Structure formats: structure tokens, C-alpha cells
């Protein structure tokens, strides 16, 4: 029986530069502002930052912005009204 080992990927997929990561963070904040217009901006900022911090050690970086947005949205949805993609109350 021959065993073949696959190479270990050492690079992280996803936003490959600090600038790309920063753009992804800004995009999440913008989406949160649209979804939770009644929430204070500092609350949105700290919630988004905490969500990104939760995934700081994620090996696959590509999905971190989506996961951070979903995590932050869940945390905020209990305290503030949400808006759907069309701008209506969800």
C-alpha cells in the first residue's frame, strides 16, 4: 500500500495584503451601518472589530469578512432593528 502525503499549504487564502484586509473591514462596517441605521457608530465599530478579532487566527482568511459580518449582525440584531437589502425593516 502506497501512502501519498499532500503538501501543507503555508500561505493564507483571502485578503493577501494589509490594504485588502483594511478594505474588507471597511466594507463590513459600511454594511453594518446600512443594516443597523439606529445603532451608534461606535457600537458598530467595536462590534465589527470584536468580530474580526474572533477570527484573527483563522487559517483561511478568504471567508473572514463574511463570517465577521454574520457574527456582528447576530450580536446587533437583538438590540437594534435591522434593515433588509432593499432598505426595508426586516
PDB file of N, CA and C in Angstrom:
ATOM      1  N   UNK A   1       0.851  -1.172   0.000  1.00  0.00           N
ATOM      2  CA  UNK A   1       0.000   0.000   0.000  1.00  0.00           C
ATOM      3  C   UNK A   1       0.894   1.231   0.000  1.00  0.00           C
ATOM      4  N   UNK A   2       0.683   2.089  -0.961  1.00  0.00           N
ATOM      5  CA  UNK A   2       1.475   3.312  -1.070  1.00  0.00           C
ATOM      6  C   UNK A   2       0.693   4.467  -0.462  1.00  0.00           C
ATOM      7  N   UNK A   3       1.335   5.210   0.429  1.00  0.00           N
ATOM      8  CA  UNK A   3       0.707   6.354   1.076  1.00  0.00           C
ATOM      9  C   UNK A   3       1.304   7.619   0.473  1.00  0.00           C
ATOM     10  N   UNK A   4       0.450   8.500   0.024  1.00  0.00           N
ATOM     11  CA  UNK A   4       0.900   9.767  -0.541  1.00  0.00           C
ATOM     12  C   UNK A   4       0.444  10.887   0.370  1.00  0.00           C
ATOM     13  N   UNK A   5       1.369  11.728   0.754  1.00  0.00           N
ATOM     14  CA  UNK A   5       1.050  12.866   1.602  1.00  0.00           C
ATOM     15  C   UNK A   5       0.889  14.104   0.741  1.00  0.00           C
ATOM     16  N   UNK A   6      -0.143  14.857   1.024  1.00  0.00           N
ATOM     17  CA  UNK A   6      -0.358  16.106   0.310  1.00  0.00           C
ATOM     18  C   UNK A   6       0.472  17.199   0.958  1.00  0.00           C
ATOM     19  N   UNK A   7       0.953  18.155   0.183  1.00  0.00           N
ATOM     20  CA  UNK A   7       1.743  19.231   0.770  1.00  0.00           C
ATOM     21  C   UNK A   7       0.878  20.111   1.669  1.00  0.00           C
ATOM     22  N   UNK A   8       1.484  20.634   2.683  1.00  0.00           N
ATOM     23  CA  UNK A   8       0.796  21.543   3.593  1.00  0.00           C
ATOM     24  C   UNK A   8       0.860  22.936   2.992  1.00  0.00           C
ATOM     25  N   UNK A   9      -0.289  23.586   2.909  1.00  0.00           N
ATOM     26  CA  UNK A   9      -0.317  24.943   2.386  1.00  0.00           C
ATOM     27  C   UNK A   9       0.119  25.900   3.478  1.00  0.00           C
ATOM     28  N   UNK A  10       1.111  26.685   3.191  1.00  0.00           N
ATOM     29  CA  UNK A  10       1.609  27.605   4.202  1.00  0.00           C
ATOM     30  C   UNK A  10       1.066  29.006   4.037  1.00  0.00           C
ATOM     31  N   UNK A  11       0.586  29.334   2.846  1.00  0.00           N
ATOM     32  CA  UNK A  11       0.059  30.683   2.654  1.00  0.00           C
ATOM     33  C   UNK A  11      -1.411  30.712   3.043  1.00  0.00           C
ATOM     34  N   UNK A  12      -1.856  31.867   3.447  1.00  0.00           N
ATOM     35  CA  UNK A  12      -3.257  32.035   3.827  1.00  0.00           C
ATOM     36  C   UNK A  12      -4.036  32.568   2.639  1.00  0.00           C
ATOM     37  N   UNK A  13      -5.171  31.956   2.385  1.00  0.00           N
ATOM     38  CA  UNK A  13      -6.019  32.433   1.298  1.00  0.00           C
ATOM     39  C   UNK A  13      -6.842  33.614   1.789  1.00  0.00           C
ATOM     40  N   UNK A  14      -7.260  34.447   0.885  1.00  0.00           N
ATOM     41  CA  UNK A  14      -8.108  35.572   1.237  1.00  0.00           C
ATOM     42  C   UNK A  14      -7.397  36.877   1.038  1.00  0.00           C
ATOM     43  N   UNK A  15      -7.828  37.917   1.755  1.00  0.00           N
ATOM     44  CA  UNK A  15      -7.173  39.210   1.598  1.00  0.00           C
ATOM     45  C   UNK A  15      -5.677  39.050   1.833  1.00  0.00           C
ATOM     46  N   UNK A  16      -4.903  39.269   0.775  1.00  0.00           N
ATOM     47  CA  UNK A  16      -3.485  38.933   0.829  1.00  0.00           C
ATOM     48  C   UNK A  16      -2.598  40.063   1.306  1.00  0.00           C
ATOM     49  N   UNK A  17      -3.130  41.242   1.406  1.00  0.00           N
ATOM     50  CA  UNK A  17      -2.318  42.372   1.846  1.00  0.00           C
ATOM     51  C   UNK A  17      -3.026  43.082   2.992  1.00  0.00           C
ATOM     52  N   UNK A  18      -2.274  43.832   3.768  1.00  0.00           N
ATOM     53  CA  UNK A  18      -2.925  44.620   4.823  1.00  0.00           C
ATOM     54  C   UNK A  18      -3.962  45.595   4.258  1.00  0.00           C
ATOM     55  N   UNK A  19      -3.695  46.141   3.074  1.00  0.00           N
ATOM     56  CA  UNK A  19      -4.657  47.063   2.464  1.00  0.00           C
ATOM     57  C   UNK A  19      -5.954  46.342   2.100  1.00  0.00           C
ATOM     58  N   UNK A  20      -5.847  45.127   1.586  1.00  0.00           N
ATOM     59  CA  UNK A  20      -7.044  44.347   1.244  1.00  0.00           C
ATOM     60  C   UNK A  20      -7.834  43.999   2.496  1.00  0.00           C
ATOM     61  N   UNK A  21      -7.133  43.666   3.557  1.00  0.00           N
ATOM     62  CA  UNK A  21      -7.805  43.358   4.827  1.00  0.00           C
ATOM     63  C   UNK A  21      -8.519  44.603   5.352  1.00  0.00           C
ATOM     64  N   UNK A  22      -7.875  45.761   5.240  1.00  0.00           N
ATOM     65  CA  UNK A  22      -8.481  47.009   5.697  1.00  0.00           C
ATOM     66  C   UNK A  22      -9.729  47.343   4.882  1.00  0.00           C
ATOM     67  N   UNK A  23      -9.672  47.129   3.566  1.00  0.00           N
ATOM     68  CA  UNK A  23     -10.850  47.364   2.721  1.00  0.00           C
ATOM     69  C   UNK A  23     -11.990  46.425   3.114  1.00  0.00           C
ATOM     70  N   UNK A  24     -11.667  45.187   3.424  1.00  0.00           N
ATOM     71  CA  UNK A  24     -12.691  44.224   3.843  1.00  0.00           C
ATOM     72  C   UNK A  24     -13.326  44.664   5.156  1.00  0.00           C
ATOM     73  N   UNK A  25     -12.518  45.160   6.078  1.00  0.00           N
ATOM     74  CA  UNK A  25     -13.054  45.645   7.359  1.00  0.00           C
ATOM     75  C   UNK A  25     -13.980  46.840   7.142  1.00  0.00           C
ATOM     76  N   UNK A  26     -13.564  47.754   6.259  1.00  0.00           N
ATOM     77  CA  UNK A  26     -14.387  48.926   5.970  1.00  0.00           C
ATOM     78  C   UNK A  26     -15.698  48.514   5.313  1.00  0.00           C
ATOM     79  N   UNK A  27     -15.645  47.552   4.432  1.00  0.00           N
ATOM     80  CA  UNK A  27     -16.853  47.057   3.776  1.00  0.00           C
ATOM     81  C   UNK A  27     -17.829  46.476   4.798  1.00  0.00           C
ATOM     82  N   UNK A  28     -17.321  45.725   5.748  1.00  0.00           N
ATOM     83  CA  UNK A  28     -18.184  45.153   6.790  1.00  0.00           C
ATOM     84  C   UNK A  28     -18.812  46.268   7.614  1.00  0.00           C
ATOM     85  N   UNK A  29     -18.029  47.277   7.991  1.00  0.00           N
ATOM     86  CA  UNK A  29     -18.587  48.396   8.768  1.00  0.00           C
ATOM     87  C   UNK A  29     -19.681  49.119   7.980  1.00  0.00           C
ATOM     88  N   UNK A  30     -19.444  49.336   6.687  1.00  0.00           N
ATOM     89  CA  UNK A  30     -20.435  50.009   5.843  1.00  0.00           C
ATOM     90  C   UNK A  30     -21.720  49.189   5.759  1.00  0.00           C
ATOM     91  N   UNK A  31     -21.586  47.891   5.584  1.00  0.00           N
ATOM     92  CA  UNK A  31     -22.765  47.020   5.522  1.00  0.00           C
ATOM     93  C   UNK A  31     -23.521  47.017   6.850  1.00  0.00           C
ATOM     94  N   UNK A  32     -22.792  47.045   7.961  1.00  0.00           N
ATOM     95  CA  UNK A  32     -23.448  47.095   9.270  1.00  0.00           C
ATOM     96  C   UNK A  32     -24.180  48.419   9.459  1.00  0.00           C
ATOM     97  N   UNK A  33     -23.589  49.517   8.988  1.00  0.00           N
ATOM     98  CA  UNK A  33     -24.247  50.826   9.094  1.00  0.00           C
ATOM     99  C   UNK A  33     -25.566  50.836   8.327  1.00  0.00           C
ATOM    100  N   UNK A  34     -25.587  50.210   7.159  1.00  0.00           N
ATOM    101  CA  UNK A  34     -26.819  50.141   6.366  1.00  0.00           C
ATOM    102  C   UNK A  34     -27.854  49.226   7.013  1.00  0.00           C
ATOM    103  N   UNK A  35     -27.388  48.161   7.600  1.00  0.00           N
ATOM    104  CA  UNK A  35     -28.314  47.176   8.172  1.00  0.00           C
ATOM    105  C   UNK A  35     -28.852  47.620   9.530  1.00  0.00           C
ATOM    106  N   UNK A  36     -28.049  48.371  10.276  1.00  0.00           N
ATOM    107  CA  UNK A  36     -28.443  48.819  11.619  1.00  0.00           C
ATOM    108  C   UNK A  36     -28.316  50.339  11.712  1.00  0.00           C
ATOM    109  N   UNK A  37     -29.187  51.084  11.031  1.00  0.00           N
ATOM    110  CA  UNK A  37     -29.053  52.542  10.993  1.00  0.00           C
ATOM    111  C   UNK A  37     -29.285  53.215  12.343  1.00  0.00           C
ATOM    112  N   UNK A  38     -29.959  52.553  13.262  1.00  0.00           N
ATOM    113  CA  UNK A  38     -30.234  53.141  14.571  1.00  0.00           C
ATOM    114  C   UNK A  38     -29.121  52.902  15.585  1.00  0.00           C
ATOM    115  N   UNK A  39     -28.161  52.082  15.245  1.00  0.00           N
ATOM    116  CA  UNK A  39     -27.065  51.772  16.173  1.00  0.00           C
ATOM    117  C   UNK A  39     -26.015  52.879  16.124  1.00  0.00           C
ATOM    118  N   UNK A  40     -25.472  53.258  17.279  1.00  0.00           N
ATOM    119  CA  UNK A  40     -24.399  54.262  17.295  1.00  0.00           C
ATOM    120  C   UNK A  40     -23.173  53.756  16.528  1.00  0.00           C
ATOM    121  N   UNK A  41     -22.500  54.660  15.843  1.00  0.00           N
ATOM    122  CA  UNK A  41     -21.350  54.259  15.022  1.00  0.00           C
ATOM    123  C   UNK A  41     -20.246  53.625  15.858  1.00  0.00           C
ATOM    124  N   UNK A  42     -20.065  54.093  17.089  1.00  0.00           N
ATOM    125  CA  UNK A  42     -19.017  53.489  17.928  1.00  0.00           C
ATOM    126  C   UNK A  42     -19.375  52.049  18.307  1.00  0.00           C
ATOM    127  N   UNK A  43     -20.662  51.769  18.479  1.00  0.00           N
ATOM    128  CA  UNK A  43     -21.098  50.398  18.754  1.00  0.00           C
ATOM    129  C   UNK A  43     -20.834  49.505  17.549  1.00  0.00           C
ATOM    130  N   UNK A  44     -21.136  50.014  16.363  1.00  0.00           N
ATOM    131  CA  UNK A  44     -20.876  49.244  15.145  1.00  0.00           C
ATOM    132  C   UNK A  44     -19.382  48.987  14.985  1.00  0.00           C
ATOM    133  N   UNK A  45     -18.580  50.001  15.261  1.00  0.00           N
ATOM    134  CA  UNK A  45     -17.123  49.872  15.130  1.00  0.00           C
ATOM    135  C   UNK A  45     -16.572  48.827  16.095  1.00  0.00           C
ATOM    136  N   UNK A  46     -16.972  48.895  17.353  1.00  0.00           N
ATOM    137  CA  UNK A  46     -16.436  47.947  18.332  1.00  0.00           C
ATOM    138  C   UNK A  46     -16.953  46.528  18.083  1.00  0.00           C
ATOM    139  N   UNK A  47     -18.203  46.403  17.654  1.00  0.00           N
ATOM    140  CA  UNK A  47     -18.749  45.078  17.360  1.00  0.00           C
ATOM    141  C   UNK A  47     -18.049  44.461  16.158  1.00  0.00           C
ATOM    142  N   UNK A  48     -17.820  45.260  15.118  1.00  0.00           N
ATOM    143  CA  UNK A  48     -17.106  44.760  13.934  1.00  0.00           C
ATOM    144  C   UNK A  48     -15.675  44.371  14.300  1.00  0.00           C
ATOM    145  N   UNK A  49     -15.004  45.208  15.075  1.00  0.00           N
ATOM    146  CA  UNK A  49     -13.625  44.912  15.477  1.00  0.00           C
ATOM    147  C   UNK A  49     -13.560  43.628  16.299  1.00  0.00           C
ATOM    148  N   UNK A  50     -14.511  43.455  17.212  1.00  0.00           N
ATOM    149  CA  UNK A  50     -14.539  42.239  18.028  1.00  0.00           C
ATOM    150  C   UNK A  50     -14.807  41.006  17.166  1.00  0.00           C
ATOM    151  N   UNK A  51     -15.648  41.157  16.163  1.00  0.00           N
ATOM    152  CA  UNK A  51     -15.944  40.031  15.270  1.00  0.00           C
ATOM    153  C   UNK A  51     -14.722  39.639  14.458  1.00  0.00           C
ATOM    154  N   UNK A  52     -13.981  40.624  13.958  1.00  0.00           N
ATOM    155  CA  UNK A  52     -12.751  40.315  13.226  1.00  0.00           C
ATOM    156  C   UNK A  52     -11.707  39.713  14.169  1.00  0.00           C
ATOM    157  N   UNK A  53     -11.644  40.202  15.399  1.00  0.00           N
ATOM    158  CA  UNK A  53     -10.686  39.665  16.370  1.00  0.00           C
ATOM    159  C   UNK A  53     -10.988  38.199  16.675  1.00  0.00           C
ATOM    160  N   UNK A  54     -12.260  37.841  16.699  1.00  0.00           N
ATOM    161  CA  UNK A  54     -12.656  36.457  16.962  1.00  0.00           C
ATOM    162  C   UNK A  54     -12.049  35.511  15.927  1.00  0.00           C
ATOM    163  N   UNK A  55     -11.932  35.979  14.691  1.00  0.00           N
ATOM    164  CA  UNK A  55     -11.399  35.156  13.605  1.00  0.00           C
ATOM    165  C   UNK A  55      -9.940  35.477  13.285  1.00  0.00           C
ATOM    166  N   UNK A  56      -9.240  36.116  14.193  1.00  0.00           N
ATOM    167  CA  UNK A  56      -7.859  36.542  13.931  1.00  0.00           C
ATOM    168  C   UNK A  56      -6.933  35.380  13.604  1.00  0.00           C
ATOM    169  N   UNK A  57      -7.170  34.219  14.174  1.00  0.00           N
ATOM    170  CA  UNK A  57      -6.293  33.069  13.941  1.00  0.00           C
ATOM    171  C   UNK A  57      -6.812  32.127  12.859  1.00  0.00           C
ATOM    172  N   UNK A  58      -7.815  32.557  12.115  1.00  0.00           N
ATOM    173  CA  UNK A  58      -8.367  31.699  11.061  1.00  0.00           C
ATOM    174  C   UNK A  58      -7.311  31.429   9.998  1.00  0.00           C
ATOM    175  N   UNK A  59      -7.186  30.179   9.617  1.00  0.00           N
ATOM    176  CA  UNK A  59      -6.181  29.811   8.615  1.00  0.00           C
ATOM    177  C   UNK A  59      -6.608  30.226   7.216  1.00  0.00           C
ATOM    178  N   UNK A  60      -7.879  30.128   6.923  1.00  0.00           N
ATOM    179  CA  UNK A  60      -8.386  30.536   5.617  1.00  0.00           C
ATOM    180  C   UNK A  60      -8.999  31.924   5.782  1.00  0.00           C
ATOM    181  N   UNK A  61      -8.318  32.932   5.300  1.00  0.00           N
ATOM    182  CA  UNK A  61      -8.719  34.319   5.514  1.00  0.00           C
ATOM    183  C   UNK A  61      -9.830  34.774   4.570  1.00  0.00           C
ATOM    184  N   UNK A  62     -10.033  34.040   3.504  1.00  0.00           N
ATOM    185  CA  UNK A  62     -10.983  34.452   2.476  1.00  0.00           C
ATOM    186  C   UNK A  62     -12.391  34.669   3.030  1.00  0.00           C
ATOM    187  N   UNK A  63     -12.801  33.860   3.966  1.00  0.00           N
ATOM    188  CA  UNK A  63     -14.165  33.917   4.478  1.00  0.00           C
ATOM    189  C   UNK A  63     -14.315  34.778   5.732  1.00  0.00           C
ATOM    190  N   UNK A  64     -13.246  35.311   6.244  1.00  0.00           N
ATOM    191  CA  UNK A  64     -13.311  36.079   7.489  1.00  0.00           C
ATOM    192  C   UNK A  64     -14.266  37.268   7.388  1.00  0.00           C
ATOM    193  N   UNK A  65     -14.242  38.086   6.332  1.00  0.00           N
ATOM    194  CA  UNK A  65     -15.192  39.203   6.287  1.00  0.00           C
ATOM    195  C   UNK A  65     -16.654  38.760   6.336  1.00  0.00           C
ATOM    196  N   UNK A  66     -16.999  37.692   5.639  1.00  0.00           N
ATOM    197  CA  UNK A  66     -18.382  37.191   5.649  1.00  0.00           C
ATOM    198  C   UNK A  66     -18.749  36.691   7.042  1.00  0.00           C
ATOM    199  N   UNK A  67     -17.859  35.927   7.639  1.00  0.00           N
ATOM    200  CA  UNK A  67     -18.123  35.389   8.974  1.00  0.00           C
ATOM    201  C   UNK A  67     -18.189  36.501  10.018  1.00  0.00           C
ATOM    202  N   UNK A  68     -17.309  37.496   9.905  1.00  0.00           N
ATOM    203  CA  UNK A  68     -17.314  38.619  10.849  1.00  0.00           C
ATOM    204  C   UNK A  68     -18.614  39.409  10.721  1.00  0.00           C
ATOM    205  N   UNK A  69     -19.070  39.631   9.485  1.00  0.00           N
ATOM    206  CA  UNK A  69     -20.334  40.347   9.284  1.00  0.00           C
ATOM    207  C   UNK A  69     -21.494  39.580   9.907  1.00  0.00           C
ATOM    208  N   UNK A  70     -21.561  38.294   9.675  1.00  0.00           N
ATOM    209  CA  UNK A  70     -22.651  37.484  10.230  1.00  0.00           C
ATOM    210  C   UNK A  70     -22.607  37.481  11.758  1.00  0.00           C
ATOM    211  N   UNK A  71     -21.409  37.363  12.321  1.00  0.00           N
ATOM    212  CA  UNK A  71     -21.267  37.357  13.780  1.00  0.00           C
ATOM    213  C   UNK A  71     -21.715  38.701  14.368  1.00  0.00           C
ATOM    214  N   UNK A  72     -21.251  39.786  13.772  1.00  0.00           N
ATOM    215  CA  UNK A  72     -21.625  41.116  14.256  1.00  0.00           C
ATOM    216  C   UNK A  72     -23.127  41.346  14.097  1.00  0.00           C
ATOM    217  N   UNK A  73     -23.689  40.912  12.979  1.00  0.00           N
ATOM    218  CA  UNK A  73     -25.131  41.080  12.748  1.00  0.00           C
ATOM    219  C   UNK A  73     -25.955  40.351  13.798  1.00  0.00           C
ATOM    220  N   UNK A  74     -25.541  39.141  14.131  1.00  0.00           N
ATOM    221  CA  UNK A  74     -26.261  38.387  15.172  1.00  0.00           C
ATOM    222  C   UNK A  74     -26.199  39.117  16.508  1.00  0.00           C
ATOM    223  N   UNK A  75     -25.042  39.677  16.832  1.00  0.00           N
ATOM    224  CA  UNK A  75     -24.901  40.374  18.107  1.00  0.00           C
ATOM    225  C   UNK A  75     -25.746  41.647  18.145  1.00  0.00           C
ATOM    226  N   UNK A  76     -25.824  42.342  17.020  1.00  0.00           N
ATOM    227  CA  UNK A  76     -26.549  43.612  16.980  1.00  0.00           C
ATOM    228  C   UNK A  76     -28.053  43.446  16.793  1.00  0.00           C
ATOM    229  N   UNK A  77     -28.481  42.356  16.189  1.00  0.00           N
ATOM    230  CA  UNK A  77     -29.896  42.203  15.841  1.00  0.00           C
ATOM    231  C   UNK A  77     -30.811  42.164  17.057  1.00  0.00           C
ATOM    232  N   UNK A  78     -30.322  41.724  18.175  1.00  0.00           N
ATOM    233  CA  UNK A  78     -31.140  41.697  19.374  1.00  0.00           C
ATOM    234  C   UNK A  78     -31.349  43.067  19.994  1.00  0.00           C
ATOM    235  N   UNK A  79     -30.451  43.999  19.704  1.00  0.00           N
ATOM    236  CA  UNK A  79     -30.526  45.321  20.323  1.00  0.00           C
ATOM    237  C   UNK A  79     -31.078  46.409  19.410  1.00  0.00           C
ATOM    238  N   UNK A  80     -30.932  46.224  18.098  1.00  0.00           N
ATOM    239  CA  UNK A  80     -31.321  47.269  17.154  1.00  0.00           C
ATOM    240  C   UNK A  80     -32.138  46.664  16.028  1.00  0.00           C
ATOM    241  N   UNK A  81     -33.038  47.445  15.487  1.00  0.00           N
ATOM    242  CA  UNK A  81     -33.814  46.990  14.339  1.00  0.00           C
ATOM    243  C   UNK A  81     -32.910  46.815  13.131  1.00  0.00           C
ATOM    244  N   UNK A  82     -33.232  45.852  12.302  1.00  0.00           N
ATOM    245  CA  UNK A  82     -32.417  45.612  11.113  1.00  0.00           C
ATOM    246  C   UNK A  82     -33.157  46.062   9.869  1.00  0.00           C
ATOM    247  N   UNK A  83     -32.397  46.288   8.822  1.00  0.00           N
ATOM    248  CA  UNK A  83     -32.962  46.607   7.513  1.00  0.00           C
ATOM    249  C   UNK A  83     -32.529  45.520   6.551  1.00  0.00           C
ATOM    250  N   UNK A  84     -33.427  45.152   5.650  1.00  0.00           N
ATOM    251  CA  UNK A  84     -33.065  44.149   4.652  1.00  0.00           C
ATOM    252  C   UNK A  84     -32.264  44.805   3.530  1.00  0.00           C
ATOM    253  N   UNK A  85     -31.898  44.027   2.529  1.00  0.00           N
ATOM    254  CA  UNK A  85     -31.059  44.525   1.445  1.00  0.00           C
ATOM    255  C   UNK A  85     -31.720  45.673   0.681  1.00  0.00           C
ATOM    256  N   UNK A  86     -33.049  45.707   0.632  1.00  0.00           N
ATOM    257  CA  UNK A  86     -33.755  46.760  -0.095  1.00  0.00           C
ATOM    258  C   UNK A  86     -33.965  48.006   0.759  1.00  0.00           C
ATOM    259  N   UNK A  87     -33.531  47.970   2.014  1.00  0.00           N
ATOM    260  CA  UNK A  87     -33.670  49.122   2.889  1.00  0.00           C
ATOM    261  C   UNK A  87     -34.915  49.100   3.748  1.00  0.00           C
ATOM    262  N   UNK A  88     -35.742  48.078   3.597  1.00  0.00           N
ATOM    263  CA  UNK A  88     -36.939  47.955   4.421  1.00  0.00           C
ATOM    264  C   UNK A  88     -36.629  47.304   5.754  1.00  0.00           C
ATOM    265  N   UNK A  89     -37.525  47.456   6.690  1.00  0.00           N
ATOM    266  CA  UNK A  89     -37.323  46.857   8.007  1.00  0.00           C
ATOM    267  C   UNK A  89     -37.501  45.358   7.889  1.00  0.00           C
ATOM    268  N   UNK A  90     -36.536  44.618   8.413  1.00  0.00           N
ATOM    269  CA  UNK A  90     -36.584  43.152   8.335  1.00  0.00           C
ATOM    270  C   UNK A  90     -37.205  42.575   9.582  1.00  0.00           C
TER     271      UNK A  90
END
